Amino acid sequence: MKPILNKLNWKNEDLTIKVEKLRVKLKEIQALAEKSPYDKDIKAKSIKALEEYNVASLKEGEAGIESTLSVLKMLLVSNDSFSNTLSPEEATDMIREVTDKEIKNALFDIGDNKAPGPDSYSSIFFKKAWGIIGKDVCDAVKEFFLLGKY
């Protein structure tokens, strides 16, 4: 099976290289975004780079799945476990920017006596102060999803 997989891997090499180049580009742009978190141009470039990387990664994953399925077919193994894959629209929806409403709803779904972090502020604090801190909380959550850091 190893020779078959190696042959399929060579077939997908260009896509693998493209994904790696996009990963490097994304890290560079995210480093710039970290240094200038309020620069809208850098944020836009960061979002575009993330989308390009995710699309290429998805294609690489699909190519990997297709390769695996080809090998399984060659080995005459029938299996329906790959039938629940995401469509490109569903995959894109999973990487879209979260809305303020979604963030608020998620926070308000947390039990009042639960502390979401090590700062010991329970969720009731955030709920009661939402009118004052809501925008800052939403901005912080969005920045986390954009940069992957808090």
Protein backbone atom coordinates (compact mmCIF):
# COMPACT_ATOMS: atom_id res chain seq x y z
CA MET A 1 0.00 0.00 0.00
CA LYS A 2 2.93 2.36 0.74
CA PRO A 3 4.09 2.57 -2.93
CA ILE A 4 0.56 3.42 -4.04
CA LEU A 5 0.26 6.17 -1.43
CA ASN A 6 3.70 7.56 -2.34
CA LYS A 7 2.68 7.72 -6.00
CA LEU A 8 -0.52 9.58 -5.08
CA ASN A 9 1.46 11.91 -2.82
CA TRP A 10 3.72 12.92 -5.74
CA LYS A 11 0.60 13.61 -7.78
CA ASN A 12 -0.57 16.12 -5.12
CA GLU A 13 2.86 17.66 -4.46
CA ASP A 14 2.09 21.00 -6.13
CA LEU A 15 -0.94 21.49 -3.89
CA THR A 16 1.07 20.61 -0.79
CA ILE A 17 3.75 23.16 -1.71
CA LYS A 18 1.09 25.80 -2.37
CA VAL A 19 -0.50 25.19 1.05
CA GLU A 20 2.89 25.49 2.75
CA LYS A 21 3.66 28.78 0.93
CA LEU A 22 0.23 30.13 1.91
CA ARG A 23 0.85 29.05 5.52
CA VAL A 24 4.12 31.04 5.57
CA LYS A 25 2.41 34.05 3.97
CA LEU A 26 -0.43 33.85 6.51
CA LYS A 27 2.00 33.77 9.45
CA GLU A 28 3.84 36.82 8.10
CA ILE A 29 0.62 38.80 7.63
CA GLN A 30 -0.68 37.74 11.05
CA ALA A 31 2.57 38.95 12.61
CA LEU A 32 2.00 42.34 10.95
CA ALA A 33 -1.61 42.34 12.16
CA GLU A 34 -0.40 41.61 15.68
CA LYS A 35 1.91 44.64 15.58
CA SER A 36 -0.80 46.90 14.09
CA PRO A 37 -4.14 45.46 15.32
CA TYR A 38 -6.14 48.51 14.20
CA ASP A 39 -4.80 48.74 10.65
CA LYS A 40 -7.78 47.89 8.44
CA ASP A 41 -5.64 47.19 5.34
CA ILE A 42 -3.51 44.66 7.19
CA LYS A 43 -6.63 43.05 8.68
CA ALA A 44 -8.16 42.79 5.21
CA LYS A 45 -4.95 41.20 3.88
CA SER A 46 -4.92 38.84 6.86
CA ILE A 47 -8.52 37.78 6.21
CA LYS A 48 -7.79 37.24 2.51
CA ALA A 49 -4.66 35.21 3.29
CA LEU A 50 -6.60 33.10 5.79
CA GLU A 51 -9.33 32.43 3.22
CA GLU A 52 -6.74 31.47 0.56
CA TYR A 53 -4.98 29.18 3.02
CA ASN A 54 -8.22 27.52 4.15
CA VAL A 55 -9.41 26.97 0.57
CA ALA A 56 -6.06 25.45 -0.43
CA SER A 57 -5.98 23.33 2.75
CA LEU A 58 -9.50 22.14 2.05
CA LYS A 59 -8.51 21.21 -1.50
CA GLU A 60 -5.42 19.42 -0.18
CA GLY A 61 -7.61 17.56 2.30
CA GLU A 62 -10.10 16.68 -0.44
CA ALA A 63 -7.23 15.48 -2.63
CA GLY A 64 -6.02 13.38 0.28
CA ILE A 65 -9.48 11.94 0.79
CA GLU A 66 -9.82 11.25 -2.94
CA SER A 67 -6.42 9.53 -2.89
CA THR A 68 -7.39 7.45 0.12
CA LEU A 69 -10.68 6.52 -1.52
CA SER A 70 -8.82 5.49 -4.66
CA VAL A 71 -6.57 3.22 -2.63
CA LEU A 72 -9.54 1.75 -0.81
CA LYS A 73 -11.30 1.10 -4.11
CA MET A 74 -8.14 -0.58 -5.40
CA LEU A 75 -8.18 -2.81 -2.36
CA LEU A 76 -11.88 -3.53 -2.97
CA VAL A 77 -12.93 -2.11 0.37
CA SER A 78 -16.39 -0.61 0.44
CA ASN A 79 -16.96 1.98 3.13
CA ASP A 80 -19.50 4.81 3.44
CA SER A 81 -17.73 6.61 6.28
CA PHE A 82 -16.56 9.41 3.94
CA SER A 83 -20.05 10.35 2.81
CA ASN A 84 -20.43 13.07 5.46
CA THR A 85 -17.94 15.58 4.06
CA LEU A 86 -18.50 19.33 4.05
CA SER A 87 -19.49 21.15 0.92
CA PRO A 88 -17.32 24.15 -0.04
CA GLU A 89 -20.15 26.44 1.17
CA GLU A 90 -20.29 24.72 4.56
CA ALA A 91 -16.52 24.86 4.90
CA THR A 92 -16.49 28.57 4.06
CA ASP A 93 -19.31 29.16 6.57
CA MET A 94 -17.17 27.57 9.27
CA ILE A 95 -14.36 30.11 8.75
CA ARG A 96 -16.49 33.21 8.37
CA GLU A 97 -16.30 36.03 10.89
CA VAL A 98 -18.57 35.53 13.88
CA THR A 99 -21.20 38.18 14.51
CA ASP A 100 -21.65 40.26 17.66
CA LYS A 101 -25.05 38.62 18.11
CA GLU A 102 -23.51 35.12 18.01
CA ILE A 103 -20.90 36.13 20.58
CA LYS A 104 -23.52 37.64 22.87
CA ASN A 105 -25.79 34.60 22.52
CA ALA A 106 -22.90 32.26 23.33
CA LEU A 107 -21.97 34.26 26.42
CA PHE A 108 -25.56 34.51 27.61
CA ASP A 109 -25.93 30.72 27.24
CA ILE A 110 -23.24 30.19 29.89
CA GLY A 111 -24.59 29.53 33.38
CA ASP A 112 -24.47 32.58 35.67
CA ASN A 113 -22.03 31.05 38.16
CA LYS A 114 -19.55 29.80 35.56
CA ALA A 115 -16.19 31.53 35.20
CA PRO A 116 -15.10 31.48 31.52
CA GLY A 117 -11.47 32.18 32.30
CA PRO A 118 -8.77 32.31 34.98
CA ASP A 119 -9.66 35.92 35.87
CA SER A 120 -12.49 34.54 38.09
CA TYR A 121 -15.12 36.84 36.60
CA SER A 122 -18.29 34.78 36.39
CA SER A 123 -20.47 35.07 33.33
CA ILE A 124 -23.06 37.04 35.34
CA PHE A 125 -20.53 39.89 35.51
CA PHE A 126 -20.30 40.01 31.72
CA LYS A 127 -24.07 39.73 31.34
CA LYS A 128 -24.80 42.56 33.80
CA ALA A 129 -22.08 44.81 32.29
CA TRP A 130 -22.83 43.93 28.65
CA GLY A 131 -24.04 47.45 27.84
CA ILE A 132 -20.64 48.79 28.86
CA ILE A 133 -18.23 46.04 27.83
CA GLY A 134 -20.13 44.19 25.09
CA LYS A 135 -18.35 45.86 22.17
CA ASP A 136 -14.93 45.25 23.73
CA VAL A 137 -15.77 41.59 24.40
CA CYS A 138 -16.96 41.14 20.80
CA ASP A 139 -13.83 42.84 19.44
CA ALA A 140 -11.60 40.62 21.60
CA VAL A 141 -13.36 37.43 20.47
CA LYS A 142 -13.16 38.45 16.80
CA GLU A 143 -9.47 39.31 17.17
CA PHE A 144 -8.87 35.88 18.73
CA PHE A 145 -10.52 34.15 15.77
CA LEU A 146 -8.62 36.33 13.31
CA LEU A 147 -5.16 36.04 14.86
CA GLY A 148 -5.51 32.77 16.76
CA LYS A 149 -4.10 34.38 19.91
CA TYR A 150 -5.52 36.09 22.94
